[in-house]
Amino acid sequence: MTDKNDYTFMKTGFDLVESNNDRTTQENIVTSLVTYTEYALRTAATYVSHGTRKSVTAEDIKRALILEVFLFNNRPGLLEKAEEVKKALFGADVPEDEEDDDHESGGGGDIDEPFSPNDCECALCSAIGGIYDRWGAWEPANALEALLKRHIDGIGVDN
């Protein structure tokens, strides 16, 4: 005869092992998104530097986010970069003298410059210039790509 008050066979959903896996999964997702965004922001800045404008616009960032969907998984050194990002986000505190200093302090202030395509014909600028043609014909292959497409399409940009 079984004890009607014995509920040890039931799971509560709170398991130390599963909780640790959930935290690791969350850290990996955040790391991936931060790494993806960092690459996109650098791409947007490079695109602007190849032209005559002095400031990055929302349209530059949107185009770079789209391009990054196609480039991200094939970036050389991606895993190493993601590990650096993960360590900076979740590892030991980064001493101030070791923080990322490779960005320029443009000092541009409140420049409100409208988007305009640049005339550079390098591979990056050509890809960004025609990115909407590729984006419009592209179909996401998995749930993550569908999520990115939906959210990037939802970015409202005033040109």
C-alpha atoms as a PDB file:
ATOM      1  CA  MET A   1       0.000   0.000   0.000  1.00  0.00           C
ATOM      2  CA  THR A   2       1.319   3.455  -0.891  1.00  0.00           C
ATOM      3  CA  ASP A   3       1.360   6.378   1.454  1.00  0.00           C
ATOM      4  CA  LYS A   4      -1.122   8.980   0.196  1.00  0.00           C
ATOM      5  CA  ASN A   5       0.884  11.743   1.917  1.00  0.00           C
ATOM      6  CA  ASP A   6       4.220  10.921   0.213  1.00  0.00           C
ATOM      7  CA  TYR A   7       4.794  13.516  -2.505  1.00  0.00           C
ATOM      8  CA  THR A   8       8.560  13.036  -2.912  1.00  0.00           C
ATOM      9  CA  PHE A   9       8.024  11.868  -6.494  1.00  0.00           C
ATOM     10  CA  MET A  10       6.891  15.373  -7.473  1.00  0.00           C
ATOM     11  CA  LYS A  11       9.325  18.014  -8.630  1.00  0.00           C
ATOM     12  CA  THR A  12       8.979  21.571  -7.419  1.00  0.00           C
ATOM     13  CA  GLY A  13      10.908  23.107 -10.272  1.00  0.00           C
ATOM     14  CA  PHE A  14      13.553  24.356  -7.855  1.00  0.00           C
ATOM     15  CA  ASP A  15      16.654  22.249  -8.258  1.00  0.00           C
ATOM     16  CA  LEU A  16      20.155  23.499  -7.509  1.00  0.00           C
ATOM     17  CA  VAL A  17      21.587  21.856 -10.610  1.00  0.00           C
ATOM     18  CA  GLU A  18      18.864  23.219 -12.884  1.00  0.00           C
ATOM     19  CA  SER A  19      19.167  26.678 -11.312  1.00  0.00           C
ATOM     20  CA  ASN A  20      22.882  26.708 -12.030  1.00  0.00           C
ATOM     21  CA  ASN A  21      22.212  25.671 -15.629  1.00  0.00           C
ATOM     22  CA  ASP A  22      19.591  28.431 -15.919  1.00  0.00           C
ATOM     23  CA  ARG A  23      22.114  30.998 -14.692  1.00  0.00           C
ATOM     24  CA  THR A  24      24.743  29.713 -17.119  1.00  0.00           C
ATOM     25  CA  THR A  25      22.226  29.839 -19.945  1.00  0.00           C
ATOM     26  CA  GLN A  26      21.249  33.400 -19.036  1.00  0.00           C
ATOM     27  CA  GLU A  27      24.891  34.454 -18.870  1.00  0.00           C
ATOM     28  CA  ASN A  28      25.552  32.885 -22.273  1.00  0.00           C
ATOM     29  CA  ILE A  29      22.553  34.642 -23.826  1.00  0.00           C
ATOM     30  CA  VAL A  30      23.582  38.014 -22.385  1.00  0.00           C
ATOM     31  CA  THR A  31      27.177  37.440 -23.498  1.00  0.00           C
ATOM     32  CA  SER A  32      26.062  36.595 -27.034  1.00  0.00           C
ATOM     33  CA  LEU A  33      23.821  39.653 -27.285  1.00  0.00           C
ATOM     34  CA  VAL A  34      26.464  42.014 -25.928  1.00  0.00           C
ATOM     35  CA  THR A  35      29.101  40.582 -28.280  1.00  0.00           C
ATOM     36  CA  TYR A  36      26.707  40.803 -31.257  1.00  0.00           C
ATOM     37  CA  THR A  37      25.814  44.388 -30.384  1.00  0.00           C
ATOM     38  CA  GLU A  38      29.439  45.397 -29.880  1.00  0.00           C
ATOM     39  CA  TYR A  39      30.348  44.112 -33.339  1.00  0.00           C
ATOM     40  CA  ALA A  40      27.360  45.939 -34.850  1.00  0.00           C
ATOM     41  CA  LEU A  41      28.255  49.219 -33.134  1.00  0.00           C
ATOM     42  CA  ARG A  42      31.848  48.978 -34.330  1.00  0.00           C
ATOM     43  CA  THR A  43      30.601  48.281 -37.849  1.00  0.00           C
ATOM     44  CA  ALA A  44      28.318  51.326 -37.720  1.00  0.00           C
ATOM     45  CA  ALA A  45      31.206  53.503 -36.544  1.00  0.00           C
ATOM     46  CA  THR A  46      33.452  52.175 -39.310  1.00  0.00           C
ATOM     47  CA  TYR A  47      30.754  52.874 -41.899  1.00  0.00           C
ATOM     48  CA  VAL A  48      30.465  56.478 -40.709  1.00  0.00           C
ATOM     49  CA  SER A  49      34.253  56.930 -40.635  1.00  0.00           C
ATOM     50  CA  HIS A  50      34.422  55.898 -44.301  1.00  0.00           C
ATOM     51  CA  GLY A  51      32.116  58.767 -45.226  1.00  0.00           C
ATOM     52  CA  THR A  52      31.857  62.479 -44.485  1.00  0.00           C
ATOM     53  CA  ARG A  53      29.491  62.428 -41.520  1.00  0.00           C
ATOM     54  CA  LYS A  54      30.832  62.837 -38.004  1.00  0.00           C
ATOM     55  CA  SER A  55      28.181  61.012 -35.959  1.00  0.00           C
ATOM     56  CA  VAL A  56      26.561  57.591 -35.955  1.00  0.00           C
ATOM     57  CA  THR A  57      22.808  57.688 -36.517  1.00  0.00           C
ATOM     58  CA  ALA A  58      20.095  55.236 -35.551  1.00  0.00           C
ATOM     59  CA  GLU A  59      19.914  54.220 -39.221  1.00  0.00           C
ATOM     60  CA  ASP A  60      23.638  53.364 -39.219  1.00  0.00           C
ATOM     61  CA  ILE A  61      23.097  51.181 -36.177  1.00  0.00           C
ATOM     62  CA  LYS A  62      20.023  49.474 -37.645  1.00  0.00           C
ATOM     63  CA  ARG A  63      21.877  48.659 -40.867  1.00  0.00           C
ATOM     64  CA  ALA A  64      24.865  47.366 -38.892  1.00  0.00           C
ATOM     65  CA  LEU A  65      22.603  45.177 -36.724  1.00  0.00           C
ATOM     66  CA  ILE A  66      21.131  43.702 -39.900  1.00  0.00           C
ATOM     67  CA  LEU A  67      24.559  43.080 -41.415  1.00  0.00           C
ATOM     68  CA  GLU A  68      25.732  41.492 -38.177  1.00  0.00           C
ATOM     69  CA  VAL A  69      22.962  38.871 -38.441  1.00  0.00           C
ATOM     70  CA  PHE A  70      24.771  37.598 -41.531  1.00  0.00           C
ATOM     71  CA  LEU A  71      28.343  37.986 -40.266  1.00  0.00           C
ATOM     72  CA  PHE A  72      28.237  37.146 -36.570  1.00  0.00           C
ATOM     73  CA  ASN A  73      28.669  33.359 -36.566  1.00  0.00           C
ATOM     74  CA  ASN A  74      31.532  33.558 -39.059  1.00  0.00           C
ATOM     75  CA  ARG A  75      33.574  36.203 -37.246  1.00  0.00           C
ATOM     76  CA  PRO A  76      37.167  35.100 -36.623  1.00  0.00           C
ATOM     77  CA  GLY A  77      37.966  34.849 -32.922  1.00  0.00           C
ATOM     78  CA  LEU A  78      34.287  34.980 -31.960  1.00  0.00           C
ATOM     79  CA  LEU A  79      34.558  32.503 -29.101  1.00  0.00           C
ATOM     80  CA  GLU A  80      37.583  34.272 -27.645  1.00  0.00           C
ATOM     81  CA  LYS A  81      35.802  37.627 -27.903  1.00  0.00           C
ATOM     82  CA  ALA A  82      32.692  36.189 -26.236  1.00  0.00           C
ATOM     83  CA  GLU A  83      34.827  34.811 -23.401  1.00  0.00           C
ATOM     84  CA  GLU A  84      36.361  38.269 -22.882  1.00  0.00           C
ATOM     85  CA  VAL A  85      32.897  39.825 -22.784  1.00  0.00           C
ATOM     86  CA  LYS A  86      31.610  37.152 -20.402  1.00  0.00           C
ATOM     87  CA  LYS A  87      34.553  37.666 -18.074  1.00  0.00           C
ATOM     88  CA  ALA A  88      34.008  41.431 -18.111  1.00  0.00           C
ATOM     89  CA  LEU A  89      30.290  41.026 -17.428  1.00  0.00           C
ATOM     90  CA  PHE A  90      30.251  38.164 -14.939  1.00  0.00           C
ATOM     91  CA  GLY A  91      33.844  37.535 -13.897  1.00  0.00           C
ATOM     92  CA  ALA A  92      35.994  39.353 -11.409  1.00  0.00           C
ATOM     93  CA  ASP A  93      35.871  43.128 -11.436  1.00  0.00           C
ATOM     94  CA  VAL A  94      37.968  44.614 -14.224  1.00  0.00           C
ATOM     95  CA  PRO A  95      40.503  47.095 -12.815  1.00  0.00           C
ATOM     96  CA  GLU A  96      40.080  50.598 -14.230  1.00  0.00           C
ATOM     97  CA  ASP A  97      43.441  50.546 -16.010  1.00  0.00           C
ATOM     98  CA  GLU A  98      42.447  47.380 -17.899  1.00  0.00           C
ATOM     99  CA  GLU A  99      39.108  48.620 -19.209  1.00  0.00           C
ATOM    100  CA  ASP A 100      38.501  48.832 -22.945  1.00  0.00           C
ATOM    101  CA  ASP A 101      40.420  51.879 -24.147  1.00  0.00           C
ATOM    102  CA  ASP A 102      40.320  51.246 -27.894  1.00  0.00           C
ATOM    103  CA  HIS A 103      37.353  53.530 -28.506  1.00  0.00           C
ATOM    104  CA  GLU A 104      37.729  57.114 -29.539  1.00  0.00           C
ATOM    105  CA  SER A 105      36.319  59.890 -27.454  1.00  0.00           C
ATOM    106  CA  GLY A 106      34.936  61.830 -30.358  1.00  0.00           C
ATOM    107  CA  GLY A 107      33.887  64.852 -28.367  1.00  0.00           C
ATOM    108  CA  GLY A 108      31.242  65.483 -31.013  1.00  0.00           C
ATOM    109  CA  GLY A 109      28.713  66.511 -28.405  1.00  0.00           C
ATOM    110  CA  ASP A 110      25.134  66.876 -29.508  1.00  0.00           C
ATOM    111  CA  ILE A 111      25.649  66.676 -33.253  1.00  0.00           C
ATOM    112  CA  ASP A 112      22.266  65.925 -34.789  1.00  0.00           C
ATOM    113  CA  GLU A 113      23.254  64.828 -38.252  1.00  0.00           C
ATOM    114  CA  PRO A 114      20.756  63.032 -40.501  1.00  0.00           C
ATOM    115  CA  PHE A 115      21.636  59.697 -42.073  1.00  0.00           C
ATOM    116  CA  SER A 116      23.079  59.796 -45.547  1.00  0.00           C
ATOM    117  CA  PRO A 117      24.741  56.896 -47.328  1.00  0.00           C
ATOM    118  CA  ASN A 118      28.457  57.252 -47.884  1.00  0.00           C
ATOM    119  CA  ASP A 119      30.254  56.977 -51.230  1.00  0.00           C
ATOM    120  CA  CYS A 120      32.852  54.449 -50.089  1.00  0.00           C
ATOM    121  CA  GLU A 121      32.986  51.341 -52.268  1.00  0.00           C
ATOM    122  CA  CYS A 122      34.767  49.007 -49.839  1.00  0.00           C
ATOM    123  CA  ALA A 123      33.116  45.642 -49.108  1.00  0.00           C
ATOM    124  CA  LEU A 124      31.723  46.763 -45.743  1.00  0.00           C
ATOM    125  CA  CYS A 125      30.198  49.988 -47.013  1.00  0.00           C
ATOM    126  CA  SER A 126      28.795  48.285 -50.103  1.00  0.00           C
ATOM    127  CA  ALA A 127      27.217  45.605 -47.913  1.00  0.00           C
ATOM    128  CA  ILE A 128      25.645  48.190 -45.608  1.00  0.00           C
ATOM    129  CA  GLY A 129      24.510  50.282 -48.570  1.00  0.00           C
ATOM    130  CA  GLY A 130      22.550  47.397 -50.063  1.00  0.00           C
ATOM    131  CA  ILE A 131      21.606  45.647 -46.836  1.00  0.00           C
ATOM    132  CA  TYR A 132      17.858  46.201 -47.164  1.00  0.00           C
ATOM    133  CA  ASP A 133      17.736  44.272 -50.455  1.00  0.00           C
ATOM    134  CA  ARG A 134      19.353  41.267 -48.793  1.00  0.00           C
ATOM    135  CA  TRP A 135      17.285  41.662 -45.615  1.00  0.00           C
ATOM    136  CA  GLY A 136      13.985  41.799 -47.496  1.00  0.00           C
ATOM    137  CA  ALA A 137      14.692  38.531 -49.302  1.00  0.00           C
ATOM    138  CA  TRP A 138      16.129  36.730 -46.262  1.00  0.00           C
ATOM    139  CA  GLU A 139      14.122  34.139 -44.340  1.00  0.00           C
ATOM    140  CA  PRO A 140      15.239  33.269 -40.798  1.00  0.00           C
ATOM    141  CA  ALA A 141      16.369  29.667 -40.385  1.00  0.00           C
ATOM    142  CA  ASN A 142      15.768  29.339 -36.641  1.00  0.00           C
ATOM    143  CA  ALA A 143      13.975  30.903 -33.694  1.00  0.00           C
ATOM    144  CA  LEU A 144      16.865  33.195 -32.760  1.00  0.00           C
ATOM    145  CA  GLU A 145      17.099  34.584 -36.282  1.00  0.00           C
ATOM    146  CA  ALA A 146      13.320  35.096 -36.359  1.00  0.00           C
ATOM    147  CA  LEU A 147      13.515  36.951 -33.044  1.00  0.00           C
ATOM    148  CA  LEU A 148      16.324  39.189 -34.297  1.00  0.00           C
ATOM    149  CA  LYS A 149      14.483  39.894 -37.557  1.00  0.00           C
ATOM    150  CA  ARG A 150      11.268  40.796 -35.763  1.00  0.00           C
ATOM    151  CA  HIS A 151      12.998  43.152 -33.343  1.00  0.00           C
ATOM    152  CA  ILE A 152      15.258  44.783 -35.909  1.00  0.00           C
ATOM    153  CA  ASP A 153      12.254  45.313 -38.199  1.00  0.00           C
ATOM    154  CA  GLY A 154      10.546  46.956 -35.235  1.00  0.00           C
ATOM    155  CA  ILE A 155      13.271  49.569 -34.865  1.00  0.00           C
ATOM    156  CA  GLY A 156      11.659  52.773 -36.018  1.00  0.00           C
ATOM    157  CA  VAL A 157      14.192  55.068 -37.632  1.00  0.00           C
ATOM    158  CA  ASP A 158      13.484  58.586 -38.791  1.00  0.00           C
ATOM    159  CA  ASN A 159      15.642  59.362 -41.789  1.00  0.00           C
END
